[in-house]
């Protein structure tokens, strides 16, 4: 009797083996274990705290201003020159007698005494000329035409106005050197300087 080979039985056995392996987890894929958790932790971001800046305010020292107030009233020094509402003095060398005087219609400052040169006598001067020089409320300083002594208190010798000690009264300021006197109208800037051998009007 002829023996017949059944090759399909071998295929079936192989198929059975494959199915068995698959059922037993023989897959090449490896699933994650049940219940396991993968946690990705982000690296902490560190923000540097800003540096503290300590600002020291500058120290300012302000010195309190020193205020010197000069009283407008008559000082003790001025009293020796005052006669009623006018002021009289003599130059340090005794050549000139001077005054800052208040008259009924004006104020003026002037000096009397010998000086040279003297300008020519004006035609309208009929009395003494060139023995004094003065400055008034308005206009330049000028020589005087007068009939007698004007700048005297009548009390005798007038006190000396020392150099470097100006006398400022009634809107005029007078000052002296060893041999000269200068008087100026404070508002107009006009005045004069007189000395035995020189004089100037301005």
Protein backbone atom coordinates (compact mmCIF):
# COMPACT_ATOMS: atom_id res chain seq x y z
CA UNK A 1 0.00 0.00 0.00
CA UNK A 2 1.36 3.51 -0.97
CA UNK A 3 2.08 5.91 1.98
CA UNK A 4 0.71 9.43 1.49
CA UNK A 5 2.46 12.40 3.23
CA UNK A 6 0.24 15.03 4.75
CA UNK A 7 2.23 18.25 4.73
CA UNK A 8 -0.65 20.38 6.00
CA UNK A 9 -0.41 18.74 9.39
CA UNK A 10 2.99 20.32 9.88
CA UNK A 11 1.60 23.75 8.95
CA UNK A 12 -1.24 23.33 11.39
CA UNK A 13 1.11 22.42 14.14
CA UNK A 14 3.20 25.50 13.42
CA UNK A 15 0.13 27.71 13.37
CA UNK A 16 -0.96 26.28 16.68
CA UNK A 17 2.42 27.13 18.17
CA UNK A 18 2.25 30.72 16.96
CA UNK A 19 -1.20 31.25 18.39
CA UNK A 20 -0.04 29.81 21.68
CA UNK A 21 2.88 32.18 21.88
CA UNK A 22 0.68 35.14 21.11
CA UNK A 23 -1.76 34.26 23.82
CA UNK A 24 1.07 33.94 26.30
CA UNK A 25 2.39 37.38 25.70
CA UNK A 26 5.08 36.52 23.33
CA UNK A 27 4.75 39.84 21.48
CA UNK A 28 7.88 41.78 20.93
CA UNK A 29 6.18 44.97 22.27
CA UNK A 30 6.75 45.46 26.02
CA UNK A 31 3.83 47.31 27.61
CA UNK A 32 4.39 49.50 30.65
CA UNK A 33 3.84 47.82 33.92
CA UNK A 34 0.38 48.35 35.29
CA UNK A 35 0.10 51.14 37.79
CA UNK A 36 3.46 52.68 36.97
CA UNK A 37 3.50 56.46 36.53
CA UNK A 38 6.13 58.49 34.74
CA UNK A 39 6.46 62.01 36.24
CA UNK A 40 8.46 64.71 34.49
CA UNK A 41 9.62 67.37 36.99
CA UNK A 42 10.49 70.71 35.46
CA UNK A 43 13.74 72.17 36.69
CA UNK A 44 12.99 75.01 39.08
CA UNK A 45 13.50 78.46 37.61
CA UNK A 46 15.52 80.66 39.89
CA UNK A 47 15.07 84.42 39.54
CA UNK A 48 17.83 86.34 41.18
CA UNK A 49 16.51 88.93 43.58
CA UNK A 50 17.42 92.43 42.45
CA UNK A 51 20.42 93.79 44.24
CA UNK A 52 19.49 96.22 46.93
CA UNK A 53 20.83 99.65 46.18
CA UNK A 54 21.35 101.87 49.13
CA UNK A 55 21.26 105.51 48.10
CA UNK A 56 22.65 107.94 50.59
CA UNK A 57 21.09 111.36 50.23
CA UNK A 58 23.73 114.09 49.98
CA UNK A 59 24.10 116.09 53.10
CA UNK A 60 23.60 119.78 52.44
CA UNK A 61 24.65 122.22 55.05
CA UNK A 62 23.15 125.65 54.59
CA UNK A 63 24.63 128.34 56.69
CA UNK A 64 22.07 130.74 58.01
CA UNK A 65 22.61 134.14 56.42
CA UNK A 66 23.99 136.74 58.71
CA UNK A 67 21.92 139.86 58.48
CA UNK A 68 23.25 143.12 59.72
CA UNK A 69 20.59 145.73 60.07
CA UNK A 70 21.63 149.33 60.15
CA UNK A 71 19.15 151.47 61.91
CA UNK A 72 17.84 154.32 59.80
CA UNK A 73 17.59 156.55 62.84
CA UNK A 74 20.34 158.93 63.85
CA UNK A 75 23.29 157.13 65.41
CA UNK A 76 25.35 158.44 68.31
CA UNK A 77 28.15 159.28 65.88
CA UNK A 78 25.79 161.45 63.81
CA UNK A 79 24.49 163.36 66.82
CA UNK A 80 27.66 165.41 67.12
CA UNK A 81 27.09 166.80 63.61
CA UNK A 82 23.35 167.45 63.89
CA UNK A 83 21.91 170.91 64.51
CA UNK A 84 18.13 170.90 64.25
CA UNK A 85 17.38 169.36 60.83
CA UNK A 86 20.85 169.94 59.33
CA UNK A 87 24.34 168.47 59.78
CA UNK A 88 27.65 170.39 59.97
CA UNK A 89 31.31 169.35 60.06
CA UNK A 90 34.82 170.52 59.25
CA UNK A 91 37.52 168.90 57.12
CA UNK A 92 40.37 167.10 58.92
CA UNK A 93 42.88 169.86 58.06
CA UNK A 94 40.47 172.59 59.20
CA UNK A 95 40.39 174.32 55.78
CA UNK A 96 36.71 173.73 55.02
CA UNK A 97 33.48 174.11 56.94
CA UNK A 98 30.76 172.00 55.42
CA UNK A 99 27.16 171.03 55.86
CA UNK A 100 24.24 168.97 54.66
CA UNK A 101 21.39 171.40 55.20
CA UNK A 102 17.63 171.47 54.87
CA UNK A 103 16.29 174.77 53.56
CA UNK A 104 12.64 175.80 53.12
CA UNK A 105 12.57 174.93 49.39
CA UNK A 106 15.46 172.47 48.93
CA UNK A 107 18.25 170.48 50.52
CA UNK A 108 21.93 170.83 49.61
CA UNK A 109 25.44 169.86 50.63
CA UNK A 110 28.38 172.25 50.41
CA UNK A 111 31.70 173.45 51.77
CA UNK A 112 33.24 176.88 52.30
CA UNK A 113 36.96 177.63 52.35
CA UNK A 114 39.86 178.73 50.19
CA UNK A 115 40.52 176.64 47.07
CA UNK A 116 42.20 177.20 43.74
CA UNK A 117 41.61 177.49 40.86
CA UNK A 118 38.34 179.46 40.93
CA UNK A 119 36.35 179.95 37.72
CA UNK A 120 35.57 183.50 36.54
CA UNK A 121 32.83 185.38 38.39
CA UNK A 122 29.51 185.20 36.55
CA UNK A 123 27.92 188.52 35.57
CA UNK A 124 24.92 188.00 37.83
CA UNK A 125 26.98 187.53 41.04
CA UNK A 126 27.10 190.82 42.96
CA UNK A 127 28.48 189.43 46.24
CA UNK A 128 31.27 187.10 47.29
CA UNK A 129 32.30 184.59 44.68
CA UNK A 130 34.38 181.47 44.82
CA UNK A 131 34.46 181.03 48.59
CA UNK A 132 32.25 177.94 48.52
CA UNK A 133 31.09 175.03 46.40
CA UNK A 134 27.88 173.01 46.66
CA UNK A 135 25.46 170.49 45.09
CA UNK A 136 21.67 170.82 45.23
CA UNK A 137 18.61 168.64 44.52
CA UNK A 138 19.17 168.90 40.78
CA UNK A 139 22.15 169.72 38.58
CA UNK A 140 25.92 169.47 38.84
CA UNK A 141 28.03 170.71 41.67
CA UNK A 142 28.94 174.42 41.31
CA UNK A 143 30.70 177.34 42.96
CA UNK A 144 28.60 179.58 45.15
CA UNK A 145 27.74 183.24 44.99
CA UNK A 146 26.94 184.18 48.59
CA UNK A 147 26.95 187.17 50.86
CA UNK A 148 28.24 185.41 53.94
CA UNK A 149 29.00 182.09 55.60
CA UNK A 150 26.39 179.49 54.87
CA UNK A 151 27.58 176.16 56.27
CA UNK A 152 27.80 176.84 59.95
CA UNK A 153 25.67 175.85 62.90
CA UNK A 154 26.53 179.06 64.73
CA UNK A 155 27.87 177.06 67.66
CA UNK A 156 31.54 177.78 66.94
CA UNK A 157 33.99 175.20 65.61
CA UNK A 158 32.27 172.30 63.87
CA UNK A 159 33.24 168.71 64.70
CA UNK A 160 35.73 167.04 62.37
CA UNK A 161 34.47 164.39 59.93
CA UNK A 162 37.25 161.82 60.11
CA UNK A 163 38.56 160.13 56.95
CA UNK A 164 36.81 156.85 56.21
CA UNK A 165 33.69 157.85 58.17
CA UNK A 166 31.10 159.08 55.64
CA UNK A 167 28.15 161.18 56.74
CA UNK A 168 24.98 160.20 54.83
CA UNK A 169 21.96 162.39 55.55
CA UNK A 170 19.01 163.99 53.73
CA UNK A 171 19.86 162.25 50.45
CA UNK A 172 23.53 163.30 50.39
CA UNK A 173 26.76 161.58 51.36
CA UNK A 174 29.93 163.44 52.34
CA UNK A 175 33.34 161.94 53.04
CA UNK A 176 36.83 163.24 53.70
CA UNK A 177 40.52 162.51 53.24
CA UNK A 178 43.31 164.24 55.14
CA UNK A 179 42.95 167.33 52.95
CA UNK A 180 39.79 167.04 50.81
CA UNK A 181 36.01 166.75 51.04
CA UNK A 182 33.67 165.05 48.59
CA UNK A 183 29.87 165.42 48.71
CA UNK A 184 27.42 163.64 46.38
CA UNK A 185 23.69 163.75 45.78
CA UNK A 186 22.71 160.11 46.30
CA UNK A 187 19.90 160.23 43.73
CA UNK A 188 21.52 162.17 40.87
CA UNK A 189 25.17 161.23 41.41
CA UNK A 190 26.21 164.87 41.00
CA UNK A 191 28.53 166.53 43.47
CA UNK A 192 31.97 167.98 44.06
CA UNK A 193 35.40 167.39 45.51
CA UNK A 194 37.27 170.29 47.05
CA UNK A 195 40.81 170.65 48.44
CA UNK A 196 43.07 173.70 49.10
CA UNK A 197 44.88 173.35 45.77
CA UNK A 198 42.26 171.59 43.61
CA UNK A 199 38.55 171.22 43.07
CA UNK A 200 36.17 169.34 40.80
CA UNK A 201 32.45 169.53 40.07
CA UNK A 202 30.51 166.67 38.48
